[in-house]
Amino acid sequence: MARTFQEFAAENLAGFGFSITAADIPEYQTTVDCMNKITEWTNSVDDRTWGIIRTADLSDGLWYEGYFESWPQAYQLFNGNPSGTYVDTKKNIITCLEHAKQQADDEPAGLAGGTGINEMVGEGSQ
């Protein structure tokens, strides 16, 4: 059975020290929309302001301004800057999600009628 984007994303995020279940990760496009909204805000911040907030935990502010409306569980990924800074945390989350999308796209779907390789050669073969 093919693994889902959500399963790959949860596994990839765990590799970076994040804790989230596959059930708490929405469809890929929803994660993209959420991260794009956050990135738009990030890109609007001037250099002087970044100098002030560079190491701050911005998760509460992003939450109260509605940046996690489409994916509420993303708040827990940002909370506390698990990757050290907001920018590094955001980059790591995006990297994990993009990699999960590629993994899911590369996952074999099985043969026509839903027959997978295990049914063709037997699970213990090789």
PDB file of N, CA and C in Angstrom:
ATOM      1  N   MET A   1       0.846  -1.181   0.000  1.00  0.00           N
ATOM      2  CA  MET A   1       0.000   0.000   0.000  1.00  0.00           C
ATOM      3  C   MET A   1       0.892   1.245   0.000  1.00  0.00           C
ATOM      4  N   ALA A   2       0.573   2.186  -0.846  1.00  0.00           N
ATOM      5  CA  ALA A   2       1.369   3.407  -0.963  1.00  0.00           C
ATOM      6  C   ALA A   2       1.237   4.271   0.288  1.00  0.00           C
ATOM      7  N   ARG A   3       2.350   4.851   0.687  1.00  0.00           N
ATOM      8  CA  ARG A   3       2.335   5.759   1.837  1.00  0.00           C
ATOM      9  C   ARG A   3       1.876   7.131   1.374  1.00  0.00           C
ATOM     10  N   THR A   4       1.282   7.872   2.279  1.00  0.00           N
ATOM     11  CA  THR A   4       0.704   9.167   1.943  1.00  0.00           C
ATOM     12  C   THR A   4       1.688  10.306   2.194  1.00  0.00           C
ATOM     13  N   PHE A   5       1.365  11.459   1.623  1.00  0.00           N
ATOM     14  CA  PHE A   5       2.123  12.669   1.887  1.00  0.00           C
ATOM     15  C   PHE A   5       2.212  12.911   3.388  1.00  0.00           C
ATOM     16  N   GLN A   6       1.086  12.739   4.085  1.00  0.00           N
ATOM     17  CA  GLN A   6       1.041  12.990   5.519  1.00  0.00           C
ATOM     18  C   GLN A   6       1.979  12.068   6.289  1.00  0.00           C
ATOM     19  N   GLU A   7       2.035  10.803   5.905  1.00  0.00           N
ATOM     20  CA  GLU A   7       2.923   9.854   6.577  1.00  0.00           C
ATOM     21  C   GLU A   7       4.385  10.236   6.360  1.00  0.00           C
ATOM     22  N   PHE A   8       4.721  10.556   5.119  1.00  0.00           N
ATOM     23  CA  PHE A   8       6.095  10.975   4.837  1.00  0.00           C
ATOM     24  C   PHE A   8       6.430  12.274   5.578  1.00  0.00           C
ATOM     25  N   ALA A   9       5.496  13.231   5.581  1.00  0.00           N
ATOM     26  CA  ALA A   9       5.748  14.510   6.239  1.00  0.00           C
ATOM     27  C   ALA A   9       5.981  14.321   7.734  1.00  0.00           C
ATOM     28  N   ALA A  10       5.158  13.523   8.392  1.00  0.00           N
ATOM     29  CA  ALA A  10       5.330  13.282   9.828  1.00  0.00           C
ATOM     30  C   ALA A  10       6.685  12.644  10.105  1.00  0.00           C
ATOM     31  N   GLU A  11       7.080  11.698   9.267  1.00  0.00           N
ATOM     32  CA  GLU A  11       8.370  11.026   9.429  1.00  0.00           C
ATOM     33  C   GLU A  11       9.529  12.011   9.199  1.00  0.00           C
ATOM     34  N   ASN A  12       9.431  12.812   8.148  1.00  0.00           N
ATOM     35  CA  ASN A  12      10.485  13.787   7.847  1.00  0.00           C
ATOM     36  C   ASN A  12      10.604  14.822   8.963  1.00  0.00           C
ATOM     37  N   LEU A  13       9.473  15.316   9.440  1.00  0.00           N
ATOM     38  CA  LEU A  13       9.478  16.308  10.517  1.00  0.00           C
ATOM     39  C   LEU A  13      10.073  15.712  11.796  1.00  0.00           C
ATOM     40  N   ALA A  14       9.760  14.457  12.080  1.00  0.00           N
ATOM     41  CA  ALA A  14      10.327  13.797  13.259  1.00  0.00           C
ATOM     42  C   ALA A  14      11.851  13.744  13.164  1.00  0.00           C
ATOM     43  N   GLY A  15      12.363  13.577  11.963  1.00  0.00           N
ATOM     44  CA  GLY A  15      13.805  13.556  11.757  1.00  0.00           C
ATOM     45  C   GLY A  15      14.481  14.872  12.102  1.00  0.00           C
ATOM     46  N   PHE A  16      13.711  15.955  12.093  1.00  0.00           N
ATOM     47  CA  PHE A  16      14.217  17.273  12.472  1.00  0.00           C
ATOM     48  C   PHE A  16      13.851  17.612  13.914  1.00  0.00           C
ATOM     49  N   GLY A  17      13.274  16.648  14.629  1.00  0.00           N
ATOM     50  CA  GLY A  17      12.933  16.860  16.028  1.00  0.00           C
ATOM     51  C   GLY A  17      11.547  17.402  16.284  1.00  0.00           C
ATOM     52  N   PHE A  18      10.719  17.509  15.249  1.00  0.00           N
ATOM     53  CA  PHE A  18       9.335  17.971  15.425  1.00  0.00           C
ATOM     54  C   PHE A  18       8.458  16.791  15.810  1.00  0.00           C
ATOM     55  N   SER A  19       7.387  17.063  16.538  1.00  0.00           N
ATOM     56  CA  SER A  19       6.467  16.011  16.942  1.00  0.00           C
ATOM     57  C   SER A  19       5.071  16.337  16.422  1.00  0.00           C
ATOM     58  N   ILE A  20       4.635  15.569  15.415  1.00  0.00           N
ATOM     59  CA  ILE A  20       3.302  15.737  14.849  1.00  0.00           C
ATOM     60  C   ILE A  20       2.913  14.416  14.203  1.00  0.00           C
ATOM     61  N   THR A  21       1.650  14.068  14.289  1.00  0.00           N
ATOM     62  CA  THR A  21       1.186  12.822  13.685  1.00  0.00           C
ATOM     63  C   THR A  21       0.719  13.076  12.258  1.00  0.00           C
ATOM     64  N   ALA A  22       0.680  12.021  11.471  1.00  0.00           N
ATOM     65  CA  ALA A  22       0.187  12.130  10.102  1.00  0.00           C
ATOM     66  C   ALA A  22      -1.252  12.643  10.087  1.00  0.00           C
ATOM     67  N   ALA A  23      -2.039  12.256  11.080  1.00  0.00           N
ATOM     68  CA  ALA A  23      -3.438  12.696  11.157  1.00  0.00           C
ATOM     69  C   ALA A  23      -3.563  14.205  11.363  1.00  0.00           C
ATOM     70  N   ASP A  24      -2.507  14.841  11.874  1.00  0.00           N
ATOM     71  CA  ASP A  24      -2.526  16.285  12.125  1.00  0.00           C
ATOM     72  C   ASP A  24      -1.963  17.103  10.960  1.00  0.00           C
ATOM     73  N   ILE A  25      -1.674  16.429   9.864  1.00  0.00           N
ATOM     74  CA  ILE A  25      -1.139  17.110   8.689  1.00  0.00           C
ATOM     75  C   ILE A  25      -2.193  17.049   7.588  1.00  0.00           C
ATOM     76  N   PRO A  26      -2.620  18.199   7.090  1.00  0.00           N
ATOM     77  CA  PRO A  26      -3.656  18.209   6.050  1.00  0.00           C
ATOM     78  C   PRO A  26      -3.075  17.849   4.679  1.00  0.00           C
ATOM     79  N   GLU A  27      -3.887  17.945   3.674  1.00  0.00           N
ATOM     80  CA  GLU A  27      -3.444  17.716   2.307  1.00  0.00           C
ATOM     81  C   GLU A  27      -2.310  18.682   1.969  1.00  0.00           C
ATOM     82  N   TYR A  28      -1.476  18.275   1.026  1.00  0.00           N
ATOM     83  CA  TYR A  28      -0.299  19.054   0.643  1.00  0.00           C
ATOM     84  C   TYR A  28      -0.643  20.509   0.339  1.00  0.00           C
ATOM     85  N   GLN A  29      -1.659  20.750  -0.485  1.00  0.00           N
ATOM     86  CA  GLN A  29      -1.967  22.127  -0.893  1.00  0.00           C
ATOM     87  C   GLN A  29      -2.326  23.002   0.306  1.00  0.00           C
ATOM     88  N   THR A  30      -2.959  22.450   1.308  1.00  0.00           N
ATOM     89  CA  THR A  30      -3.281  23.215   2.516  1.00  0.00           C
ATOM     90  C   THR A  30      -2.002  23.616   3.244  1.00  0.00           C
ATOM     91  N   THR A  31      -1.035  22.708   3.306  1.00  0.00           N
ATOM     92  CA  THR A  31       0.240  23.055   3.957  1.00  0.00           C
ATOM     93  C   THR A  31       0.959  24.138   3.164  1.00  0.00           C
ATOM     94  N   VAL A  32       0.898  24.049   1.840  1.00  0.00           N
ATOM     95  CA  VAL A  32       1.522  25.066   0.982  1.00  0.00           C
ATOM     96  C   VAL A  32       0.869  26.421   1.213  1.00  0.00           C
ATOM     97  N   ASP A  33      -0.451  26.447   1.236  1.00  0.00           N
ATOM     98  CA  ASP A  33      -1.171  27.709   1.451  1.00  0.00           C
ATOM     99  C   ASP A  33      -0.793  28.341   2.792  1.00  0.00           C
ATOM    100  N   CYS A  34      -0.731  27.523   3.835  1.00  0.00           N
ATOM    101  CA  CYS A  34      -0.368  28.011   5.170  1.00  0.00           C
ATOM    102  C   CYS A  34       1.048  28.569   5.162  1.00  0.00           C
ATOM    103  N   MET A  35       1.992  27.812   4.634  1.00  0.00           N
ATOM    104  CA  MET A  35       3.391  28.236   4.635  1.00  0.00           C
ATOM    105  C   MET A  35       3.604  29.446   3.726  1.00  0.00           C
ATOM    106  N   ASN A  36       2.875  29.518   2.612  1.00  0.00           N
ATOM    107  CA  ASN A  36       2.993  30.692   1.737  1.00  0.00           C
ATOM    108  C   ASN A  36       2.495  31.956   2.426  1.00  0.00           C
ATOM    109  N   LYS A  37       1.407  31.835   3.171  1.00  0.00           N
ATOM    110  CA  LYS A  37       0.865  32.977   3.904  1.00  0.00           C
ATOM    111  C   LYS A  37       1.891  33.473   4.933  1.00  0.00           C
ATOM    112  N   ILE A  38       2.514  32.540   5.630  1.00  0.00           N
ATOM    113  CA  ILE A  38       3.541  32.895   6.621  1.00  0.00           C
ATOM    114  C   ILE A  38       4.757  33.499   5.933  1.00  0.00           C
ATOM    115  N   THR A  39       5.160  32.927   4.803  1.00  0.00           N
ATOM    116  CA  THR A  39       6.326  33.432   4.072  1.00  0.00           C
ATOM    117  C   THR A  39       6.064  34.834   3.530  1.00  0.00           C
ATOM    118  N   GLU A  40       4.852  35.102   3.081  1.00  0.00           N
ATOM    119  CA  GLU A  40       4.508  36.458   2.618  1.00  0.00           C
ATOM    120  C   GLU A  40       4.731  37.470   3.736  1.00  0.00           C
ATOM    121  N   TRP A  41       4.280  37.113   4.940  1.00  0.00           N
ATOM    122  CA  TRP A  41       4.497  38.021   6.060  1.00  0.00           C
ATOM    123  C   TRP A  41       5.992  38.160   6.339  1.00  0.00           C
ATOM    124  N   THR A  42       6.696  37.035   6.368  1.00  0.00           N
ATOM    125  CA  THR A  42       8.133  37.045   6.637  1.00  0.00           C
ATOM    126  C   THR A  42       8.858  37.974   5.673  1.00  0.00           C
ATOM    127  N   ASN A  43       8.507  37.889   4.402  1.00  0.00           N
ATOM    128  CA  ASN A  43       9.164  38.714   3.385  1.00  0.00           C
ATOM    129  C   ASN A  43       8.810  40.196   3.492  1.00  0.00           C
ATOM    130  N   SER A  44       7.752  40.510   4.223  1.00  0.00           N
ATOM    131  CA  SER A  44       7.349  41.910   4.371  1.00  0.00           C
ATOM    132  C   SER A  44       8.072  42.623   5.517  1.00  0.00           C
ATOM    133  N   VAL A  45       8.779  41.861   6.348  1.00  0.00           N
ATOM    134  CA  VAL A  45       9.442  42.435   7.513  1.00  0.00           C
ATOM    135  C   VAL A  45      10.772  43.068   7.084  1.00  0.00           C
ATOM    136  N   ASP A  46      10.993  44.311   7.481  1.00  0.00           N
ATOM    137  CA  ASP A  46      12.225  45.006   7.102  1.00  0.00           C
ATOM    138  C   ASP A  46      13.414  44.511   7.935  1.00  0.00           C
ATOM    139  N   ASP A  47      14.621  44.807   7.455  1.00  0.00           N
ATOM    140  CA  ASP A  47      15.852  44.322   8.097  1.00  0.00           C
ATOM    141  C   ASP A  47      15.997  44.783   9.544  1.00  0.00           C
ATOM    142  N   ARG A  48      15.625  46.013   9.815  1.00  0.00           N
ATOM    143  CA  ARG A  48      15.755  46.531  11.179  1.00  0.00           C
ATOM    144  C   ARG A  48      14.868  45.740  12.145  1.00  0.00           C
ATOM    145  N   THR A  49      13.638  45.488  11.710  1.00  0.00           N
ATOM    146  CA  THR A  49      12.725  44.710  12.549  1.00  0.00           C
ATOM    147  C   THR A  49      13.264  43.302  12.751  1.00  0.00           C
ATOM    148  N   TRP A  50      13.815  42.675  11.696  1.00  0.00           N
ATOM    149  CA  TRP A  50      14.395  41.342  11.851  1.00  0.00           C
ATOM    150  C   TRP A  50      15.519  41.350  12.867  1.00  0.00           C
ATOM    151  N   GLY A  51      16.284  42.443  12.888  1.00  0.00           N
ATOM    152  CA  GLY A  51      17.355  42.545  13.872  1.00  0.00           C
ATOM    153  C   GLY A  51      16.833  42.487  15.297  1.00  0.00           C
ATOM    154  N   ILE A  52      15.634  42.984  15.479  1.00  0.00           N
ATOM    155  CA  ILE A  52      15.020  43.002  16.811  1.00  0.00           C
ATOM    156  C   ILE A  52      14.369  41.660  17.154  1.00  0.00           C
ATOM    157  N   ILE A  53      13.701  41.047  16.193  1.00  0.00           N
ATOM    158  CA  ILE A  53      12.912  39.836  16.484  1.00  0.00           C
ATOM    159  C   ILE A  53      13.580  38.542  16.044  1.00  0.00           C
ATOM    160  N   ARG A  54      14.813  38.604  15.567  1.00  0.00           N
ATOM    161  CA  ARG A  54      15.498  37.449  14.969  1.00  0.00           C
ATOM    162  C   ARG A  54      15.389  36.166  15.797  1.00  0.00           C
ATOM    163  N   THR A  55      15.554  36.245  17.088  1.00  0.00           N
ATOM    164  CA  THR A  55      15.534  35.031  17.913  1.00  0.00           C
ATOM    165  C   THR A  55      14.224  34.860  18.696  1.00  0.00           C
ATOM    166  N   ALA A  56      13.262  35.732  18.455  1.00  0.00           N
ATOM    167  CA  ALA A  56      11.988  35.657  19.179  1.00  0.00           C
ATOM    168  C   ALA A  56      11.137  34.479  18.697  1.00  0.00           C
ATOM    169  N   ASP A  57      10.328  33.948  19.586  1.00  0.00           N
ATOM    170  CA  ASP A  57       9.344  32.928  19.236  1.00  0.00           C
ATOM    171  C   ASP A  57       8.109  33.667  18.731  1.00  0.00           C
ATOM    172  N   LEU A  58       7.856  33.595  17.449  1.00  0.00           N
ATOM    173  CA  LEU A  58       6.774  34.346  16.819  1.00  0.00           C
ATOM    174  C   LEU A  58       5.474  33.555  16.709  1.00  0.00           C
ATOM    175  N   SER A  59       5.462  32.340  17.221  1.00  0.00           N
ATOM    176  CA  SER A  59       4.308  31.460  17.022  1.00  0.00           C
ATOM    177  C   SER A  59       3.014  32.021  17.604  1.00  0.00           C
ATOM    178  N   ASP A  60       3.055  32.609  18.787  1.00  0.00           N
ATOM    179  CA  ASP A  60       1.828  33.168  19.369  1.00  0.00           C
ATOM    180  C   ASP A  60       1.289  34.313  18.523  1.00  0.00           C
ATOM    181  N   GLY A  61       2.159  35.204  18.080  1.00  0.00           N
ATOM    182  CA  GLY A  61       1.722  36.319  17.232  1.00  0.00           C
ATOM    183  C   GLY A  61       1.129  35.834  15.925  1.00  0.00           C
ATOM    184  N   LEU A  62       1.773  34.845  15.310  1.00  0.00           N
ATOM    185  CA  LEU A  62       1.244  34.287  14.064  1.00  0.00           C
ATOM    186  C   LEU A  62      -0.118  33.637  14.307  1.00  0.00           C
ATOM    187  N   TRP A  63      -0.250  32.975  15.437  1.00  0.00           N
ATOM    188  CA  TRP A  63      -1.531  32.343  15.787  1.00  0.00           C
ATOM    189  C   TRP A  63      -2.632  33.402  15.925  1.00  0.00           C
ATOM    190  N   TYR A  64      -2.387  34.430  16.725  1.00  0.00           N
ATOM    191  CA  TYR A  64      -3.413  35.435  16.987  1.00  0.00           C
ATOM    192  C   TYR A  64      -3.744  36.278  15.759  1.00  0.00           C
ATOM    193  N   GLU A  65      -2.838  36.341  14.797  1.00  0.00           N
ATOM    194  CA  GLU A  65      -3.110  37.073  13.563  1.00  0.00           C
ATOM    195  C   GLU A  65      -3.701  36.175  12.479  1.00  0.00           C
ATOM    196  N   GLY A  66      -3.962  34.901  12.800  1.00  0.00           N
ATOM    197  CA  GLY A  66      -4.678  34.012  11.893  1.00  0.00           C
ATOM    198  C   GLY A  66      -3.830  33.269  10.873  1.00  0.00           C
ATOM    199  N   TYR A  67      -2.531  33.237  11.067  1.00  0.00           N
ATOM    200  CA  TYR A  67      -1.671  32.578  10.086  1.00  0.00           C
ATOM    201  C   TYR A  67      -1.764  31.058  10.102  1.00  0.00           C
ATOM    202  N   PHE A  68      -2.347  30.492  11.143  1.00  0.00           N
ATOM    203  CA  PHE A  68      -2.491  29.041  11.219  1.00  0.00           C
ATOM    204  C   PHE A  68      -3.940  28.593  11.035  1.00  0.00           C
ATOM    205  N   GLU A  69      -4.797  29.462  10.523  1.00  0.00           N
ATOM    206  CA  GLU A  69      -6.208  29.114  10.372  1.00  0.00           C
ATOM    207  C   GLU A  69      -6.418  27.888   9.494  1.00  0.00           C
ATOM    208  N   SER A  70      -5.675  27.773   8.418  1.00  0.00           N
ATOM    209  CA  SER A  70      -5.871  26.644   7.503  1.00  0.00           C
ATOM    210  C   SER A  70      -5.226  25.360   8.019  1.00  0.00           C
ATOM    211  N   TRP A  71      -4.257  25.498   8.932  1.00  0.00           N
ATOM    212  CA  TRP A  71      -3.565  24.326   9.488  1.00  0.00           C
ATOM    213  C   TRP A  71      -3.187  24.632  10.936  1.00  0.00           C
ATOM    214  N   PRO A  72      -4.144  24.527  11.859  1.00  0.00           N
ATOM    215  CA  PRO A  72      -3.901  24.886  13.260  1.00  0.00           C
ATOM    216  C   PRO A  72      -2.740  24.130  13.913  1.00  0.00           C
ATOM    217  N   GLN A  73      -2.526  22.876  13.532  1.00  0.00           N
ATOM    218  CA  GLN A  73      -1.470  22.090  14.157  1.00  0.00           C
ATOM    219  C   GLN A  73      -0.069  22.584  13.788  1.00  0.00           C
ATOM    220  N   ALA A  74       0.047  23.421  12.755  1.00  0.00           N
ATOM    221  CA  ALA A  74       1.359  23.977  12.399  1.00  0.00           C
ATOM    222  C   ALA A  74       1.891  24.862  13.526  1.00  0.00           C
ATOM    223  N   TYR A  75       0.992  25.395  14.338  1.00  0.00           N
ATOM    224  CA  TYR A  75       1.413  26.208  15.481  1.00  0.00           C
ATOM    225  C   TYR A  75       2.414  25.439  16.342  1.00  0.00           C
ATOM    226  N   GLN A  76       2.119  24.164  16.613  1.00  0.00           N
ATOM    227  CA  GLN A  76       3.002  23.377  17.480  1.00  0.00           C
ATOM    228  C   GLN A  76       4.366  23.161  16.841  1.00  0.00           C
ATOM    229  N   LEU A  77       4.450  23.196  15.506  1.00  0.00           N
ATOM    230  CA  LEU A  77       5.742  23.051  14.849  1.00  0.00           C
ATOM    231  C   LEU A  77       6.615  24.289  15.061  1.00  0.00           C
ATOM    232  N   PHE A  78       5.995  25.466  15.050  1.00  0.00           N
ATOM    233  CA  PHE A  78       6.733  26.722  15.219  1.00  0.00           C
ATOM    234  C   PHE A  78       6.987  27.065  16.685  1.00  0.00           C
ATOM    235  N   ASN A  79       6.110  26.623  17.564  1.00  0.00           N
ATOM    236  CA  ASN A  79       6.167  27.021  18.968  1.00  0.00           C
ATOM    237  C   ASN A  79       7.512  26.690  19.609  1.00  0.00           C
ATOM    238  N   GLY A  80       8.175  27.697  20.118  1.00  0.00           N
ATOM    239  CA  GLY A  80       9.447  27.525  20.799  1.00  0.00           C
ATOM    240  C   GLY A  80      10.663  27.514  19.882  1.00  0.00           C
ATOM    241  N   ASN A  81      10.457  27.761  18.581  1.00  0.00           N
ATOM    242  CA  ASN A  81      11.569  27.748  17.616  1.00  0.00           C
ATOM    243  C   ASN A  81      12.444  26.498  17.775  1.00  0.00           C
ATOM    244  N   PRO A  82      11.894  25.313  17.556  1.00  0.00           N
ATOM    245  CA  PRO A  82      12.659  24.090  17.785  1.00  0.00           C
ATOM    246  C   PRO A  82      13.961  23.990  16.983  1.00  0.00           C
ATOM    247  N   SER A  83      14.080  24.734  15.902  1.00  0.00           N
ATOM    248  CA  SER A  83      15.317  24.697  15.108  1.00  0.00           C
ATOM    249  C   SER A  83      16.252  25.846  15.466  1.00  0.00           C
ATOM    250  N   GLY A  84      15.957  26.546  16.543  1.00  0.00           N
ATOM    251  CA  GLY A  84      16.829  27.615  17.028  1.00  0.00           C
ATOM    252  C   GLY A  84      16.300  29.009  16.782  1.00  0.00           C
ATOM    253  N   THR A  85      15.871  29.278  15.553  1.00  0.00           N
ATOM    254  CA  THR A  85      15.287  30.583  15.221  1.00  0.00           C
ATOM    255  C   THR A  85      14.019  30.353  14.415  1.00  0.00           C
ATOM    256  N   TYR A  86      13.229  31.394  14.308  1.00  0.00           N
ATOM    257  CA  TYR A  86      12.004  31.322  13.498  1.00  0.00           C
ATOM    258  C   TYR A  86      12.342  30.975  12.051  1.00  0.00           C
ATOM    259  N   VAL A  87      13.333  31.654  11.484  1.00  0.00           N
ATOM    260  CA  VAL A  87      13.693  31.444  10.081  1.00  0.00           C
ATOM    261  C   VAL A  87      14.155  30.005   9.846  1.00  0.00           C
ATOM    262  N   ASP A  88      15.022  29.489  10.710  1.00  0.00           N
ATOM    263  CA  ASP A  88      15.493  28.112  10.552  1.00  0.00           C
ATOM    264  C   ASP A  88      14.363  27.108  10.748  1.00  0.00           C
ATOM    265  N   THR A  89      13.482  27.393  11.690  1.00  0.00           N
ATOM    266  CA  THR A  89      12.336  26.512  11.923  1.00  0.00           C
ATOM    267  C   THR A  89      11.458  26.467  10.678  1.00  0.00           C
ATOM    268  N   LYS A  90      11.146  27.634  10.114  1.00  0.00           N
ATOM    269  CA  LYS A  90      10.312  27.704   8.914  1.00  0.00           C
ATOM    270  C   LYS A  90      10.978  26.969   7.752  1.00  0.00           C
ATOM    271  N   LYS A  91      12.269  27.188   7.566  1.00  0.00           N
ATOM    272  CA  LYS A  91      12.990  26.506   6.479  1.00  0.00           C
ATOM    273  C   LYS A  91      12.948  24.991   6.652  1.00  0.00           C
ATOM    274  N   ASN A  92      13.129  24.511   7.860  1.00  0.00           N
ATOM    275  CA  ASN A  92      13.113  23.065   8.102  1.00  0.00           C
ATOM    276  C   ASN A  92      11.725  22.468   7.866  1.00  0.00           C
ATOM    277  N   ILE A  93      10.693  23.169   8.279  1.00  0.00           N
ATOM    278  CA  ILE A  93       9.326  22.681   8.053  1.00  0.00           C
ATOM    279  C   ILE A  93       9.058  22.595   6.554  1.00  0.00           C
ATOM    280  N   ILE A  94       9.380  23.650   5.828  1.00  0.00           N
ATOM    281  CA  ILE A  94       9.147  23.666   4.379  1.00  0.00           C
ATOM    282  C   ILE A  94       9.948  22.569   3.695  1.00  0.00           C
ATOM    283  N   THR A  95      11.196  22.382   4.093  1.00  0.00           N
ATOM    284  CA  THR A  95      12.029  21.323   3.514  1.00  0.00           C
ATOM    285  C   THR A  95      11.385  19.957   3.712  1.00  0.00           C
ATOM    286  N   CYS A  96      10.901  19.699   4.917  1.00  0.00           N
ATOM    287  CA  CYS A  96      10.269  18.414   5.214  1.00  0.00           C
ATOM    288  C   CYS A  96       9.001  18.203   4.388  1.00  0.00           C
ATOM    289  N   LEU A  97       8.197  19.240   4.255  1.00  0.00           N
ATOM    290  CA  LEU A  97       6.950  19.128   3.498  1.00  0.00           C
ATOM    291  C   LEU A  97       7.220  18.923   2.019  1.00  0.00           C
ATOM    292  N   GLU A  98       8.157  19.666   1.466  1.00  0.00           N
ATOM    293  CA  GLU A  98       8.481  19.522   0.043  1.00  0.00           C
ATOM    294  C   GLU A  98       9.060  18.142  -0.245  1.00  0.00           C
ATOM    295  N   HIS A  99       9.908  17.656   0.642  1.00  0.00           N
ATOM    296  CA  HIS A  99      10.474  16.317   0.468  1.00  0.00           C
ATOM    297  C   HIS A  99       9.376  15.256   0.557  1.00  0.00           C
ATOM    298  N   ALA A 100       8.440  15.433   1.473  1.00  0.00           N
ATOM    299  CA  ALA A 100       7.333  14.487   1.609  1.00  0.00           C
ATOM    300  C   ALA A 100       6.482  14.461   0.344  1.00  0.00           C
ATOM    301  N   LYS A 101       6.272  15.607  -0.259  1.00  0.00           N
ATOM    302  CA  LYS A 101       5.513  15.676  -1.516  1.00  0.00           C
ATOM    303  C   LYS A 101       6.228  14.880  -2.599  1.00  0.00           C
ATOM    304  N   GLN A 102       7.536  15.050  -2.712  1.00  0.00           N
ATOM    305  CA  GLN A 102       8.318  14.304  -3.704  1.00  0.00           C
ATOM    306  C   GLN A 102       8.277  12.803  -3.418  1.00  0.00           C
ATOM    307  N   GLN A 103       8.395  12.440  -2.150  1.00  0.00           N
ATOM    308  CA  GLN A 103       8.340  11.022  -1.780  1.00  0.00           C
ATOM    309  C   GLN A 103       6.986  10.414  -2.141  1.00  0.00           C
ATOM    310  N   ALA A 104       5.918  11.135  -1.828  1.00  0.00           N
ATOM    311  CA  ALA A 104       4.577  10.624  -2.120  1.00  0.00           C
ATOM    312  C   ALA A 104       4.362  10.508  -3.625  1.00  0.00           C
ATOM    313  N   ASP A 105       4.863  11.477  -4.387  1.00  0.00           N
ATOM    314  CA  ASP A 105       4.737  11.421  -5.841  1.00  0.00           C
ATOM    315  C   ASP A 105       5.511  10.252  -6.434  1.00  0.00           C
ATOM    316  N   ASP A 106       6.612   9.881  -5.797  1.00  0.00           N
ATOM    317  CA  ASP A 106       7.448   8.786  -6.288  1.00  0.00           C
ATOM    318  C   ASP A 106       6.981   7.411  -5.811  1.00  0.00           C
ATOM    319  N   GLU A 107       6.030   7.400  -4.886  1.00  0.00           N
ATOM    320  CA  GLU A 107       5.540   6.149  -4.304  1.00  0.00           C
ATOM    321  C   GLU A 107       4.757   5.368  -5.364  1.00  0.00           C
ATOM    322  N   PRO A 108       5.078   4.079  -5.552  1.00  0.00           N
ATOM    323  CA  PRO A 108       4.325   3.298  -6.537  1.00  0.00           C
ATOM    324  C   PRO A 108       2.876   3.127  -6.103  1.00  0.00           C
ATOM    325  N   ALA A 109       1.986   3.215  -7.053  1.00  0.00           N
ATOM    326  CA  ALA A 109       0.556   3.137  -6.762  1.00  0.00           C
ATOM    327  C   ALA A 109       0.020   1.719  -6.856  1.00  0.00           C
ATOM    328  N   GLY A 110       0.822   0.778  -7.306  1.00  0.00           N
ATOM    329  CA  GLY A 110       0.337  -0.590  -7.480  1.00  0.00           C
ATOM    330  C   GLY A 110      -0.135  -0.794  -8.909  1.00  0.00           C
ATOM    331  N   LEU A 111      -0.583  -1.970  -9.195  1.00  0.00           N
ATOM    332  CA  LEU A 111      -1.020  -2.314 -10.537  1.00  0.00           C
ATOM    333  C   LEU A 111      -2.520  -2.095 -10.675  1.00  0.00           C
ATOM    334  N   ALA A 112      -3.000  -2.156 -11.885  1.00  0.00           N
ATOM    335  CA  ALA A 112      -4.431  -1.973 -12.156  1.00  0.00           C
ATOM    336  C   ALA A 112      -5.248  -2.910 -11.275  1.00  0.00           C
ATOM    337  N   GLY A 113      -6.346  -2.422 -10.806  1.00  0.00           N
ATOM    338  CA  GLY A 113      -7.202  -3.227  -9.945  1.00  0.00           C
ATOM    339  C   GLY A 113      -6.738  -3.257  -8.506  1.00  0.00           C
ATOM    340  N   GLY A 114      -5.689  -2.468  -8.175  1.00  0.00           N
ATOM    341  CA  GLY A 114      -5.214  -2.384  -6.803  1.00  0.00           C
ATOM    342  C   GLY A 114      -4.252  -3.487  -6.418  1.00  0.00           C
ATOM    343  N   THR A 115      -3.835  -4.322  -7.363  1.00  0.00           N
ATOM    344  CA  THR A 115      -2.905  -5.394  -7.051  1.00  0.00           C
ATOM    345  C   THR A 115      -1.507  -4.816  -6.940  1.00  0.00           C
ATOM    346  N   GLY A 116      -0.881  -4.982  -5.809  1.00  0.00           N
ATOM    347  CA  GLY A 116       0.470  -4.484  -5.604  1.00  0.00           C
ATOM    348  C   GLY A 116       1.492  -5.577  -5.828  1.00  0.00           C
ATOM    349  N   ILE A 117       2.741  -5.207  -5.721  1.00  0.00           N
ATOM    350  CA  ILE A 117       3.834  -6.145  -5.979  1.00  0.00           C
ATOM    351  C   ILE A 117       3.830  -7.321  -5.008  1.00  0.00           C
ATOM    352  N   ASN A 118       3.448  -7.083  -3.766  1.00  0.00           N
ATOM    353  CA  ASN A 118       3.431  -8.181  -2.788  1.00  0.00           C
ATOM    354  C   ASN A 118       2.464  -9.284  -3.195  1.00  0.00           C
ATOM    355  N   GLU A 119       1.348  -8.899  -3.796  1.00  0.00           N
ATOM    356  CA  GLU A 119       0.389  -9.896  -4.252  1.00  0.00           C
ATOM    357  C   GLU A 119       0.916 -10.643  -5.470  1.00  0.00           C
ATOM    358  N   MET A 120       1.788  -9.995  -6.248  1.00  0.00           N
ATOM    359  CA  MET A 120       2.323 -10.615  -7.458  1.00  0.00           C
ATOM    360  C   MET A 120       3.424 -11.615  -7.145  1.00  0.00           C
ATOM    361  N   VAL A 121       4.326 -11.251  -6.227  1.00  0.00           N
ATOM    362  CA  VAL A 121       5.476 -12.111  -5.964  1.00  0.00           C
ATOM    363  C   VAL A 121       5.451 -12.758  -4.581  1.00  0.00           C
ATOM    364  N   GLY A 122       4.546 -12.358  -3.762  1.00  0.00           N
ATOM    365  CA  GLY A 122       4.483 -12.878  -2.409  1.00  0.00           C
ATOM    366  C   GLY A 122       5.276 -12.014  -1.450  1.00  0.00           C
ATOM    367  N   GLU A 123       4.785 -11.816  -0.269  1.00  0.00           N
ATOM    368  CA  GLU A 123       5.432 -10.904   0.683  1.00  0.00           C
ATOM    369  C   GLU A 123       6.788 -11.369   1.131  1.00  0.00           C
ATOM    370  N   GLY A 124       7.041 -12.660   1.171  1.00  0.00           N
ATOM    371  CA  GLY A 124       8.310 -13.172   1.660  1.00  0.00           C
ATOM    372  C   GLY A 124       9.348 -13.369   0.563  1.00  0.00           C
ATOM    373  N   SER A 125       9.022 -13.033  -0.670  1.00  0.00           N
ATOM    374  CA  SER A 125       9.941 -13.244  -1.789  1.00  0.00           C
ATOM    375  C   SER A 125      11.092 -12.270  -1.768  1.00  0.00           C
ATOM    376  N   GLN A 126      12.152 -12.634  -2.479  1.00  0.00           N
ATOM    377  CA  GLN A 126      13.346 -11.844  -2.737  1.00  0.00           C
ATOM    378  C   GLN A 126      14.530 -12.571  -2.325  1.00  0.00           C
TER     379      GLN A 126
END
